Amino acid sequence: MRLELRHPGTSISFLDGPTGELILRIGSDEEGRLRIQFHLYDSEGRTIAESDDAVAFPEGVRVQAADGELLLDLPAEMGENICYHLYNRKGELLTSSDGVSTRIGPCLRMESWPRGGRHYATRQQPAQPGVDSSTA
């Protein structure tokens, strides 16, 4: 995932699917400033770091577990790759990314805000000559 400017008021959230617990949210406030919220666990399910609310990290943020495993590396520069290993409170790996490739586990749920994005109308198929569309 690349750290890029997003439309004001939008976000992407990484959640533990079974519990709905927020693990990481990357978004922008109404002025388009980057805001991050997280609750990071290690591979043993121990809480390593958390933010109380969506806050700015203008110098970036790097969080490592006691064993040195990188849990979150959010660069200060826009356009750089975000690296992460996101675990739930059971120590199950939800997703990981080295900034180039991403691995997604079965317990990850992702949500975007606003939900659903744009609504698109269903395209009607053009009527075919000689076919009654009311019975087709």
N, C-alpha and C. Protein backbone atom coordinates (compact mmCIF):
# COMPACT_ATOMS: atom_id res chain seq x y z
N MET A 1 0.85 -1.17 0.00
CA MET A 1 0.00 0.00 0.00
C MET A 1 0.89 1.23 0.00
N ARG A 2 0.52 2.17 -0.81
CA ARG A 2 1.30 3.40 -0.93
C ARG A 2 0.62 4.51 -0.14
N LEU A 3 1.42 5.29 0.56
CA LEU A 3 0.91 6.43 1.31
C LEU A 3 0.66 7.57 0.32
N GLU A 4 -0.61 7.87 0.11
CA GLU A 4 -0.98 8.91 -0.85
C GLU A 4 -2.04 9.81 -0.26
N LEU A 5 -2.13 11.00 -0.82
CA LEU A 5 -3.20 11.90 -0.40
C LEU A 5 -4.54 11.29 -0.80
N ARG A 6 -5.47 11.37 0.09
CA ARG A 6 -6.79 10.81 -0.16
C ARG A 6 -7.80 11.95 -0.15
N HIS A 7 -8.97 11.66 -0.70
CA HIS A 7 -10.03 12.65 -0.68
C HIS A 7 -10.40 12.95 0.77
N PRO A 8 -10.68 14.20 1.10
CA PRO A 8 -11.05 14.55 2.47
C PRO A 8 -12.21 13.71 2.98
N GLY A 9 -12.08 13.23 4.22
CA GLY A 9 -13.14 12.46 4.86
C GLY A 9 -13.21 11.00 4.47
N THR A 10 -12.19 10.46 3.79
CA THR A 10 -12.20 9.06 3.40
C THR A 10 -11.20 8.27 4.24
N SER A 11 -11.40 6.96 4.32
CA SER A 11 -10.47 6.12 5.06
C SER A 11 -10.58 4.67 4.60
N ILE A 12 -9.56 3.90 4.95
CA ILE A 12 -9.55 2.45 4.78
C ILE A 12 -9.22 1.86 6.15
N SER A 13 -9.99 0.85 6.56
CA SER A 13 -9.82 0.24 7.86
C SER A 13 -9.52 -1.24 7.72
N PHE A 14 -8.61 -1.72 8.55
CA PHE A 14 -8.26 -3.13 8.65
C PHE A 14 -8.82 -3.62 9.98
N LEU A 15 -9.71 -4.61 9.94
CA LEU A 15 -10.36 -5.09 11.14
C LEU A 15 -10.16 -6.59 11.30
N ASP A 16 -10.23 -7.04 12.54
CA ASP A 16 -10.28 -8.47 12.84
C ASP A 16 -11.70 -8.92 12.49
N GLY A 17 -11.84 -9.75 11.49
CA GLY A 17 -13.15 -10.14 11.00
C GLY A 17 -14.08 -10.72 12.05
N PRO A 18 -13.64 -11.72 12.82
CA PRO A 18 -14.54 -12.33 13.79
C PRO A 18 -15.03 -11.39 14.90
N THR A 19 -14.18 -10.46 15.34
CA THR A 19 -14.56 -9.59 16.46
C THR A 19 -14.96 -8.19 16.02
N GLY A 20 -14.55 -7.77 14.84
CA GLY A 20 -14.82 -6.41 14.37
C GLY A 20 -13.88 -5.38 14.97
N GLU A 21 -12.87 -5.81 15.71
CA GLU A 21 -11.94 -4.87 16.34
C GLU A 21 -11.09 -4.16 15.29
N LEU A 22 -11.01 -2.84 15.43
CA LEU A 22 -10.18 -2.04 14.54
C LEU A 22 -8.71 -2.28 14.87
N ILE A 23 -7.92 -2.66 13.87
CA ILE A 23 -6.49 -2.86 14.05
C ILE A 23 -5.73 -1.65 13.48
N LEU A 24 -6.13 -1.18 12.29
CA LEU A 24 -5.47 -0.04 11.66
C LEU A 24 -6.47 0.70 10.78
N ARG A 25 -6.48 2.03 10.89
CA ARG A 25 -7.28 2.87 10.00
C ARG A 25 -6.36 3.97 9.47
N ILE A 26 -6.37 4.12 8.15
CA ILE A 26 -5.62 5.17 7.49
C ILE A 26 -6.63 6.03 6.75
N GLY A 27 -6.66 7.31 7.06
CA GLY A 27 -7.66 8.16 6.43
C GLY A 27 -7.23 9.61 6.41
N SER A 28 -8.16 10.43 5.99
CA SER A 28 -7.90 11.86 5.97
C SER A 28 -9.06 12.58 6.63
N ASP A 29 -8.75 13.70 7.26
CA ASP A 29 -9.81 14.48 7.89
C ASP A 29 -10.46 15.37 6.83
N GLU A 30 -11.36 16.23 7.28
CA GLU A 30 -12.11 17.08 6.35
C GLU A 30 -11.23 18.03 5.55
N GLU A 31 -10.03 18.34 6.07
CA GLU A 31 -9.10 19.20 5.35
C GLU A 31 -8.12 18.40 4.49
N GLY A 32 -8.26 17.08 4.47
CA GLY A 32 -7.39 16.23 3.66
C GLY A 32 -6.09 15.84 4.33
N ARG A 33 -5.93 16.15 5.62
CA ARG A 33 -4.71 15.78 6.35
C ARG A 33 -4.77 14.32 6.76
N LEU A 34 -3.65 13.63 6.62
CA LEU A 34 -3.56 12.21 6.94
C LEU A 34 -3.73 11.97 8.44
N ARG A 35 -4.56 10.98 8.78
CA ARG A 35 -4.80 10.58 10.16
C ARG A 35 -4.71 9.06 10.25
N ILE A 36 -4.09 8.58 11.32
CA ILE A 36 -3.90 7.15 11.52
C ILE A 36 -4.43 6.77 12.90
N GLN A 37 -5.10 5.63 12.97
CA GLN A 37 -5.54 5.07 14.24
C GLN A 37 -5.14 3.59 14.23
N PHE A 38 -4.61 3.10 15.35
CA PHE A 38 -4.18 1.70 15.37
C PHE A 38 -4.24 1.09 16.76
N HIS A 39 -4.34 -0.23 16.77
CA HIS A 39 -4.18 -1.06 17.96
C HIS A 39 -3.37 -2.26 17.46
N LEU A 40 -2.09 -2.27 17.78
CA LEU A 40 -1.17 -3.26 17.22
C LEU A 40 -0.82 -4.34 18.24
N TYR A 41 -0.94 -5.58 17.80
CA TYR A 41 -0.59 -6.74 18.60
C TYR A 41 0.62 -7.42 17.97
N ASP A 42 1.34 -8.19 18.78
CA ASP A 42 2.43 -9.01 18.23
C ASP A 42 1.91 -10.41 17.94
N SER A 43 2.80 -11.30 17.51
CA SER A 43 2.40 -12.65 17.12
C SER A 43 1.96 -13.51 18.31
N GLU A 44 2.13 -12.99 19.53
CA GLU A 44 1.65 -13.68 20.73
C GLU A 44 0.31 -13.11 21.20
N GLY A 45 -0.17 -12.07 20.53
CA GLY A 45 -1.43 -11.43 20.90
C GLY A 45 -1.29 -10.37 21.97
N ARG A 46 -0.06 -9.96 22.27
CA ARG A 46 0.17 -8.91 23.26
C ARG A 46 0.03 -7.53 22.61
N THR A 47 -0.59 -6.60 23.31
CA THR A 47 -0.70 -5.23 22.81
C THR A 47 0.69 -4.60 22.82
N ILE A 48 1.10 -4.07 21.68
CA ILE A 48 2.41 -3.44 21.55
C ILE A 48 2.28 -1.92 21.49
N ALA A 49 1.31 -1.42 20.75
CA ALA A 49 1.12 0.03 20.62
C ALA A 49 -0.31 0.31 20.23
N GLU A 50 -0.81 1.47 20.68
CA GLU A 50 -2.14 1.89 20.26
C GLU A 50 -2.24 3.40 20.30
N SER A 51 -3.12 3.90 19.46
CA SER A 51 -3.41 5.33 19.47
C SER A 51 -4.83 5.48 19.98
N ASP A 52 -5.08 6.53 20.73
CA ASP A 52 -6.40 6.72 21.31
C ASP A 52 -7.44 7.07 20.25
N ASP A 53 -7.02 7.78 19.25
CA ASP A 53 -7.94 8.27 18.23
C ASP A 53 -7.13 8.44 16.95
N ALA A 54 -7.77 8.87 15.89
CA ALA A 54 -7.07 9.11 14.64
C ALA A 54 -6.20 10.35 14.81
N VAL A 55 -4.89 10.17 14.75
CA VAL A 55 -3.95 11.27 14.96
C VAL A 55 -2.99 11.38 13.79
N ALA A 56 -2.34 12.53 13.69
CA ALA A 56 -1.36 12.77 12.63
C ALA A 56 0.02 12.30 13.11
N PHE A 57 0.79 11.80 12.19
CA PHE A 57 2.18 11.43 12.45
C PHE A 57 3.04 12.07 11.36
N PRO A 58 3.28 13.39 11.45
CA PRO A 58 4.01 14.09 10.38
C PRO A 58 5.43 13.57 10.17
N GLU A 59 6.04 12.98 11.19
CA GLU A 59 7.38 12.40 11.04
C GLU A 59 7.33 10.92 10.72
N GLY A 60 6.11 10.39 10.49
CA GLY A 60 5.95 8.96 10.26
C GLY A 60 5.92 8.23 11.59
N VAL A 61 5.75 6.93 11.53
CA VAL A 61 5.74 6.12 12.75
C VAL A 61 6.27 4.72 12.40
N ARG A 62 7.07 4.19 13.30
CA ARG A 62 7.62 2.85 13.14
C ARG A 62 7.41 2.11 14.46
N VAL A 63 6.75 0.95 14.41
CA VAL A 63 6.46 0.16 15.60
C VAL A 63 7.01 -1.24 15.38
N GLN A 64 7.79 -1.70 16.36
CA GLN A 64 8.35 -3.04 16.30
C GLN A 64 7.96 -3.81 17.56
N ALA A 65 7.81 -5.13 17.42
CA ALA A 65 7.55 -6.00 18.56
C ALA A 65 8.84 -6.17 19.34
N ALA A 66 8.74 -6.74 20.54
CA ALA A 66 9.91 -6.96 21.39
C ALA A 66 10.96 -7.83 20.71
N ASP A 67 10.52 -8.76 19.85
CA ASP A 67 11.46 -9.63 19.14
C ASP A 67 12.03 -8.99 17.88
N GLY A 68 11.69 -7.72 17.62
CA GLY A 68 12.22 -6.99 16.47
C GLY A 68 11.35 -7.04 15.23
N GLU A 69 10.26 -7.81 15.25
CA GLU A 69 9.39 -7.88 14.08
C GLU A 69 8.75 -6.52 13.83
N LEU A 70 8.80 -6.08 12.59
CA LEU A 70 8.18 -4.81 12.20
C LEU A 70 6.67 -4.98 12.15
N LEU A 71 5.95 -4.19 12.92
CA LEU A 71 4.49 -4.25 12.92
C LEU A 71 3.88 -3.16 12.06
N LEU A 72 4.49 -1.97 12.05
CA LEU A 72 4.00 -0.87 11.23
C LEU A 72 5.13 0.08 10.92
N ASP A 73 5.28 0.39 9.65
CA ASP A 73 6.24 1.41 9.21
C ASP A 73 5.49 2.35 8.28
N LEU A 74 5.12 3.48 8.83
CA LEU A 74 4.39 4.50 8.09
C LEU A 74 5.37 5.62 7.80
N PRO A 75 5.77 5.78 6.54
CA PRO A 75 6.78 6.81 6.21
C PRO A 75 6.23 8.22 6.35
N ALA A 76 7.13 9.16 6.52
CA ALA A 76 6.75 10.57 6.61
C ALA A 76 6.45 11.14 5.22
N GLU A 77 7.07 10.59 4.20
CA GLU A 77 6.93 11.12 2.84
C GLU A 77 5.76 10.50 2.10
N MET A 78 4.94 11.34 1.47
CA MET A 78 3.87 10.87 0.61
C MET A 78 4.46 10.13 -0.58
N GLY A 79 3.77 9.12 -1.04
CA GLY A 79 4.22 8.35 -2.18
C GLY A 79 5.09 7.16 -1.81
N GLU A 80 5.49 7.06 -0.54
CA GLU A 80 6.30 5.93 -0.08
C GLU A 80 5.37 4.77 0.30
N ASN A 81 5.94 3.56 0.34
CA ASN A 81 5.16 2.38 0.68
C ASN A 81 5.02 2.22 2.19
N ILE A 82 3.84 1.75 2.61
CA ILE A 82 3.58 1.41 4.00
C ILE A 82 3.87 -0.07 4.17
N CYS A 83 4.59 -0.42 5.23
CA CYS A 83 4.87 -1.82 5.54
C CYS A 83 4.19 -2.17 6.86
N TYR A 84 3.66 -3.39 6.95
CA TYR A 84 2.96 -3.77 8.17
C TYR A 84 2.84 -5.29 8.30
N HIS A 85 2.69 -5.73 9.54
CA HIS A 85 2.29 -7.07 9.93
C HIS A 85 1.20 -6.84 10.97
N LEU A 86 -0.04 -7.13 10.61
CA LEU A 86 -1.16 -6.85 11.50
C LEU A 86 -1.71 -8.15 12.07
N TYR A 87 -1.66 -8.25 13.40
CA TYR A 87 -2.14 -9.42 14.12
C TYR A 87 -3.38 -9.06 14.92
N ASN A 88 -4.20 -10.06 15.24
CA ASN A 88 -5.32 -9.83 16.15
C ASN A 88 -4.90 -10.20 17.57
N ARG A 89 -5.83 -10.07 18.51
CA ARG A 89 -5.50 -10.31 19.92
C ARG A 89 -5.21 -11.77 20.23
N LYS A 90 -5.46 -12.67 19.27
CA LYS A 90 -5.09 -14.09 19.43
C LYS A 90 -3.71 -14.37 18.87
N GLY A 91 -3.10 -13.37 18.25
CA GLY A 91 -1.79 -13.55 17.64
C GLY A 91 -1.87 -14.12 16.23
N GLU A 92 -3.05 -14.11 15.62
CA GLU A 92 -3.22 -14.59 14.24
C GLU A 92 -2.88 -13.47 13.27
N LEU A 93 -2.08 -13.78 12.27
CA LEU A 93 -1.71 -12.79 11.27
C LEU A 93 -2.90 -12.51 10.37
N LEU A 94 -3.35 -11.26 10.36
CA LEU A 94 -4.47 -10.86 9.52
C LEU A 94 -4.01 -10.50 8.12
N THR A 95 -2.95 -9.71 8.04
CA THR A 95 -2.40 -9.28 6.76
C THR A 95 -0.99 -8.76 6.98
N SER A 96 -0.20 -8.80 5.92
CA SER A 96 1.15 -8.24 5.98
C SER A 96 1.51 -7.69 4.61
N SER A 97 2.38 -6.69 4.63
CA SER A 97 2.87 -6.11 3.39
C SER A 97 4.29 -5.62 3.60
N ASP A 98 5.13 -5.92 2.63
CA ASP A 98 6.50 -5.41 2.65
C ASP A 98 6.60 -4.12 1.84
N GLY A 99 5.46 -3.59 1.43
CA GLY A 99 5.41 -2.38 0.63
C GLY A 99 5.29 -2.66 -0.85
N VAL A 100 5.57 -3.90 -1.24
CA VAL A 100 5.47 -4.28 -2.65
C VAL A 100 4.37 -5.32 -2.82
N SER A 101 4.43 -6.38 -2.03
CA SER A 101 3.40 -7.42 -2.11
C SER A 101 2.67 -7.50 -0.77
N THR A 102 1.40 -7.89 -0.85
CA THR A 102 0.54 -7.96 0.32
C THR A 102 -0.02 -9.37 0.46
N ARG A 103 -0.03 -9.85 1.69
CA ARG A 103 -0.60 -11.16 2.01
C ARG A 103 -1.83 -10.91 2.87
N ILE A 104 -2.95 -11.52 2.51
CA ILE A 104 -4.20 -11.33 3.24
C ILE A 104 -4.65 -12.67 3.81
N GLY A 105 -4.89 -12.69 5.13
CA GLY A 105 -5.34 -13.89 5.80
C GLY A 105 -6.86 -13.99 5.82
N PRO A 106 -7.38 -15.15 6.21
CA PRO A 106 -8.83 -15.37 6.17
C PRO A 106 -9.63 -14.57 7.21
N CYS A 107 -8.99 -14.05 8.24
CA CYS A 107 -9.72 -13.33 9.29
C CYS A 107 -9.74 -11.82 9.08
N LEU A 108 -9.14 -11.33 8.00
CA LEU A 108 -9.11 -9.89 7.76
C LEU A 108 -10.42 -9.40 7.17
N ARG A 109 -10.90 -8.28 7.68
CA ARG A 109 -12.02 -7.59 7.06
C ARG A 109 -11.55 -6.17 6.79
N MET A 110 -11.81 -5.68 5.60
CA MET A 110 -11.44 -4.32 5.24
C MET A 110 -12.71 -3.53 4.95
N GLU A 111 -12.70 -2.28 5.39
CA GLU A 111 -13.83 -1.40 5.14
C GLU A 111 -13.31 -0.05 4.67
N SER A 112 -14.06 0.56 3.78
CA SER A 112 -13.71 1.91 3.34
C SER A 112 -14.82 2.85 3.77
N TRP A 113 -14.46 4.12 3.91
CA TRP A 113 -15.44 5.14 4.24
C TRP A 113 -15.30 6.27 3.24
N PRO A 114 -16.32 6.74 2.63
CA PRO A 114 -17.69 6.33 2.86
C PRO A 114 -17.94 4.94 2.29
N ARG A 115 -18.81 4.20 2.97
CA ARG A 115 -19.10 2.83 2.57
C ARG A 115 -19.77 2.80 1.22
N GLY A 116 -19.42 1.81 0.43
CA GLY A 116 -20.06 1.61 -0.85
C GLY A 116 -19.55 2.48 -1.96
N GLY A 117 -18.86 3.56 -1.63
CA GLY A 117 -18.35 4.44 -2.68
C GLY A 117 -19.48 4.96 -3.55
N ARG A 118 -19.24 5.01 -4.82
CA ARG A 118 -20.25 5.49 -5.77
C ARG A 118 -21.27 4.39 -6.04
N HIS A 119 -22.47 4.82 -6.32
CA HIS A 119 -23.53 3.89 -6.71
C HIS A 119 -23.69 3.99 -8.22
N TYR A 120 -23.63 2.86 -8.86
CA TYR A 120 -23.78 2.82 -10.30
C TYR A 120 -25.10 2.15 -10.66
N ALA A 121 -25.78 2.72 -11.63
CA ALA A 121 -27.03 2.13 -12.08
C ALA A 121 -26.74 0.86 -12.87
N THR A 122 -27.62 -0.09 -12.76
CA THR A 122 -27.48 -1.32 -13.54
C THR A 122 -27.79 -1.01 -14.99
N ARG A 123 -26.90 -1.45 -15.85
CA ARG A 123 -27.14 -1.22 -17.27
C ARG A 123 -28.16 -2.20 -17.79
N GLN A 124 -29.15 -1.69 -18.48
CA GLN A 124 -30.16 -2.53 -19.11
C GLN A 124 -29.60 -3.07 -20.42
N GLN A 125 -29.83 -4.32 -20.67
CA GLN A 125 -29.42 -4.91 -21.93
C GLN A 125 -30.34 -4.39 -23.03
N PRO A 126 -29.77 -4.03 -24.18
CA PRO A 126 -30.62 -3.55 -25.27
C PRO A 126 -31.56 -4.66 -25.74
N ALA A 127 -32.75 -4.26 -26.14
CA ALA A 127 -33.73 -5.23 -26.63
C ALA A 127 -33.23 -5.87 -27.91
N GLN A 128 -33.44 -7.16 -28.00
CA GLN A 128 -33.03 -7.89 -29.21
C GLN A 128 -34.24 -8.01 -30.14
N PRO A 129 -34.03 -7.79 -31.44
CA PRO A 129 -35.14 -7.89 -32.38
C PRO A 129 -35.77 -9.28 -32.34
N GLY A 130 -37.10 -9.32 -32.30
CA GLY A 130 -37.81 -10.59 -32.33
C GLY A 130 -37.90 -11.30 -30.98
N VAL A 131 -37.41 -10.67 -29.91
CA VAL A 131 -37.48 -11.30 -28.57
C VAL A 131 -38.35 -10.42 -27.69
N ASP A 132 -39.35 -11.03 -27.06
CA ASP A 132 -40.23 -10.31 -26.15
C ASP A 132 -39.51 -10.23 -24.81
N SER A 133 -39.09 -9.01 -24.40
CA SER A 133 -38.32 -8.86 -23.18
C SER A 133 -39.12 -9.15 -21.92
N SER A 134 -40.46 -9.15 -22.01
CA SER A 134 -41.27 -9.43 -20.82
C SER A 134 -41.29 -10.92 -20.49
N THR A 135 -40.90 -11.78 -21.43
CA THR A 135 -40.89 -13.22 -21.17
C THR A 135 -39.48 -13.78 -21.20
N ALA A 136 -38.51 -12.97 -21.57
CA ALA A 136 -37.13 -13.46 -21.68
C ALA A 136 -36.47 -13.55 -20.33
